[in-house]
Amino acid sequence: GEALGARSVVVIEDGLVPLPEQHPEEFAAAVLAALG
């Protein structure tokens, strides 16, 4: 949803979750699932 998307962007911009260069979308999905 838009809320999760916005939160993921904030997390990434804050540098709390450095996304790996390979499969960043899958990693982001796993992070969002963990934040649940």
PDB file of N, CA and C in Angstrom:
ATOM      1  N   GLY A   1       0.816  -1.206   0.000  1.00  0.00           N
ATOM      2  CA  GLY A   1       0.000   0.000   0.000  1.00  0.00           C
ATOM      3  C   GLY A   1       0.854   1.261   0.000  1.00  0.00           C
ATOM      4  N   GLU A   2       0.216   2.400  -0.151  1.00  0.00           N
ATOM      5  CA  GLU A   2       0.974   3.653  -0.207  1.00  0.00           C
ATOM      6  C   GLU A   2       1.686   3.930   1.117  1.00  0.00           C
ATOM      7  N   ALA A   3       1.049   3.591   2.212  1.00  0.00           N
ATOM      8  CA  ALA A   3       1.655   3.846   3.524  1.00  0.00           C
ATOM      9  C   ALA A   3       2.967   3.075   3.668  1.00  0.00           C
ATOM     10  N   LEU A   4       2.935   1.787   3.293  1.00  0.00           N
ATOM     11  CA  LEU A   4       4.155   0.981   3.392  1.00  0.00           C
ATOM     12  C   LEU A   4       5.225   1.530   2.468  1.00  0.00           C
ATOM     13  N   GLY A   5       4.820   1.939   1.260  1.00  0.00           N
ATOM     14  CA  GLY A   5       5.781   2.480   0.306  1.00  0.00           C
ATOM     15  C   GLY A   5       6.443   3.726   0.862  1.00  0.00           C
ATOM     16  N   ALA A   6       5.642   4.590   1.476  1.00  0.00           N
ATOM     17  CA  ALA A   6       6.178   5.827   2.036  1.00  0.00           C
ATOM     18  C   ALA A   6       7.143   5.504   3.168  1.00  0.00           C
ATOM     19  N   ARG A   7       6.764   4.539   4.003  1.00  0.00           N
ATOM     20  CA  ARG A   7       7.628   4.189   5.130  1.00  0.00           C
ATOM     21  C   ARG A   7       8.949   3.611   4.631  1.00  0.00           C
ATOM     22  N   SER A   8       8.893   2.764   3.606  1.00  0.00           N
ATOM     23  CA  SER A   8      10.119   2.162   3.090  1.00  0.00           C
ATOM     24  C   SER A   8      11.057   3.240   2.567  1.00  0.00           C
ATOM     25  N   VAL A   9      10.486   4.265   1.925  1.00  0.00           N
ATOM     26  CA  VAL A   9      11.308   5.353   1.395  1.00  0.00           C
ATOM     27  C   VAL A   9      11.988   6.090   2.536  1.00  0.00           C
ATOM     28  N   VAL A  10      11.241   6.366   3.596  1.00  0.00           N
ATOM     29  CA  VAL A  10      11.802   7.072   4.751  1.00  0.00           C
ATOM     30  C   VAL A  10      12.941   6.276   5.365  1.00  0.00           C
ATOM     31  N   VAL A  11      12.715   4.978   5.532  1.00  0.00           N
ATOM     32  CA  VAL A  11      13.745   4.122   6.118  1.00  0.00           C
ATOM     33  C   VAL A  11      15.011   4.150   5.273  1.00  0.00           C
ATOM     34  N   ILE A  12      14.830   4.025   3.960  1.00  0.00           N
ATOM     35  CA  ILE A  12      15.980   4.014   3.053  1.00  0.00           C
ATOM     36  C   ILE A  12      16.704   5.357   3.101  1.00  0.00           C
ATOM     37  N   GLU A  13      15.947   6.458   3.098  1.00  0.00           N
ATOM     38  CA  GLU A  13      16.573   7.777   3.108  1.00  0.00           C
ATOM     39  C   GLU A  13      17.312   8.022   4.418  1.00  0.00           C
ATOM     40  N   ASP A  14      16.790   7.494   5.515  1.00  0.00           N
ATOM     41  CA  ASP A  14      17.445   7.659   6.807  1.00  0.00           C
ATOM     42  C   ASP A  14      18.729   6.834   6.898  1.00  0.00           C
ATOM     43  N   GLY A  15      18.881   5.898   5.958  1.00  0.00           N
ATOM     44  CA  GLY A  15      20.091   5.089   5.935  1.00  0.00           C
ATOM     45  C   GLY A  15      20.070   3.980   6.975  1.00  0.00           C
ATOM     46  N   LEU A  16      18.909   3.705   7.557  1.00  0.00           N
ATOM     47  CA  LEU A  16      18.828   2.645   8.563  1.00  0.00           C
ATOM     48  C   LEU A  16      18.884   1.276   7.898  1.00  0.00           C
ATOM     49  N   VAL A  17      18.428   1.220   6.655  1.00  0.00           N
ATOM     50  CA  VAL A  17      18.419  -0.062   5.951  1.00  0.00           C
ATOM     51  C   VAL A  17      19.109   0.096   4.608  1.00  0.00           C
ATOM     52  N   PRO A  18      20.424  -0.088   4.565  1.00  0.00           N
ATOM     53  CA  PRO A  18      21.149   0.000   3.295  1.00  0.00           C
ATOM     54  C   PRO A  18      20.745  -1.148   2.381  1.00  0.00           C
ATOM     55  N   LEU A  19      20.185  -0.805   1.226  1.00  0.00           N
ATOM     56  CA  LEU A  19      19.740  -1.854   0.305  1.00  0.00           C
ATOM     57  C   LEU A  19      20.925  -2.425  -0.466  1.00  0.00           C
ATOM     58  N   PRO A  20      20.995  -3.749  -0.580  1.00  0.00           N
ATOM     59  CA  PRO A  20      22.051  -4.380  -1.374  1.00  0.00           C
ATOM     60  C   PRO A  20      21.863  -4.037  -2.851  1.00  0.00           C
ATOM     61  N   GLU A  21      22.943  -4.030  -3.591  1.00  0.00           N
ATOM     62  CA  GLU A  21      22.842  -3.674  -5.006  1.00  0.00           C
ATOM     63  C   GLU A  21      22.060  -4.720  -5.787  1.00  0.00           C
ATOM     64  N   GLN A  22      22.102  -5.966  -5.337  1.00  0.00           N
ATOM     65  CA  GLN A  22      21.380  -7.027  -6.040  1.00  0.00           C
ATOM     66  C   GLN A  22      20.035  -7.281  -5.366  1.00  0.00           C
ATOM     67  N   HIS A  23      18.973  -7.314  -6.159  1.00  0.00           N
ATOM     68  CA  HIS A  23      17.624  -7.604  -5.667  1.00  0.00           C
ATOM     69  C   HIS A  23      17.179  -6.651  -4.560  1.00  0.00           C
ATOM     70  N   PRO A  24      17.332  -5.343  -4.718  1.00  0.00           N
ATOM     71  CA  PRO A  24      16.925  -4.399  -3.667  1.00  0.00           C
ATOM     72  C   PRO A  24      15.426  -4.469  -3.379  1.00  0.00           C
ATOM     73  N   GLU A  25      14.625  -4.760  -4.411  1.00  0.00           N
ATOM     74  CA  GLU A  25      13.173  -4.809  -4.196  1.00  0.00           C
ATOM     75  C   GLU A  25      12.800  -5.977  -3.292  1.00  0.00           C
ATOM     76  N   GLU A  26      13.455  -7.128  -3.496  1.00  0.00           N
ATOM     77  CA  GLU A  26      13.156  -8.287  -2.661  1.00  0.00           C
ATOM     78  C   GLU A  26      13.598  -8.017  -1.227  1.00  0.00           C
ATOM     79  N   PHE A  27      14.736  -7.368  -1.073  1.00  0.00           N
ATOM     80  CA  PHE A  27      15.232  -7.038   0.265  1.00  0.00           C
ATOM     81  C   PHE A  27      14.271  -6.076   0.948  1.00  0.00           C
ATOM     82  N   ALA A  28      13.822  -5.061   0.211  1.00  0.00           N
ATOM     83  CA  ALA A  28      12.878  -4.091   0.770  1.00  0.00           C
ATOM     84  C   ALA A  28      11.591  -4.787   1.193  1.00  0.00           C
ATOM     85  N   ALA A  29      11.133  -5.731   0.395  1.00  0.00           N
ATOM     86  CA  ALA A  29       9.906  -6.455   0.736  1.00  0.00           C
ATOM     87  C   ALA A  29      10.106  -7.241   2.036  1.00  0.00           C
ATOM     88  N   ALA A  30      11.278  -7.839   2.205  1.00  0.00           N
ATOM     89  CA  ALA A  30      11.557  -8.597   3.425  1.00  0.00           C
ATOM     90  C   ALA A  30      11.600  -7.661   4.629  1.00  0.00           C
ATOM     91  N   VAL A  31      12.184  -6.477   4.445  1.00  0.00           N
ATOM     92  CA  VAL A  31      12.259  -5.499   5.534  1.00  0.00           C
ATOM     93  C   VAL A  31      10.853  -5.054   5.919  1.00  0.00           C
ATOM     94  N   LEU A  32      10.024  -4.751   4.923  1.00  0.00           N
ATOM     95  CA  LEU A  32       8.649  -4.319   5.209  1.00  0.00           C
ATOM     96  C   LEU A  32       7.882  -5.429   5.914  1.00  0.00           C
ATOM     97  N   ALA A  33       8.124  -6.669   5.520  1.00  0.00           N
ATOM     98  CA  ALA A  33       7.439  -7.789   6.167  1.00  0.00           C
ATOM     99  C   ALA A  33       7.874  -7.886   7.626  1.00  0.00           C
ATOM    100  N   ALA A  34       9.152  -7.632   7.885  1.00  0.00           N
ATOM    101  CA  ALA A  34       9.658  -7.698   9.260  1.00  0.00           C
ATOM    102  C   ALA A  34       9.057  -6.565  10.098  1.00  0.00           C
ATOM    103  N   LEU A  35       8.911  -5.383   9.486  1.00  0.00           N
ATOM    104  CA  LEU A  35       8.322  -4.247  10.210  1.00  0.00           C
ATOM    105  C   LEU A  35       6.842  -4.503  10.469  1.00  0.00           C
ATOM    106  N   GLY A  36       6.224  -5.252   9.537  1.00  0.00           N
ATOM    107  CA  GLY A  36       4.864  -5.726   9.628  1.00  0.00           C
ATOM    108  C   GLY A  36       3.902  -4.776  10.289  1.00  0.00           C
TER     109      GLY A  36
END
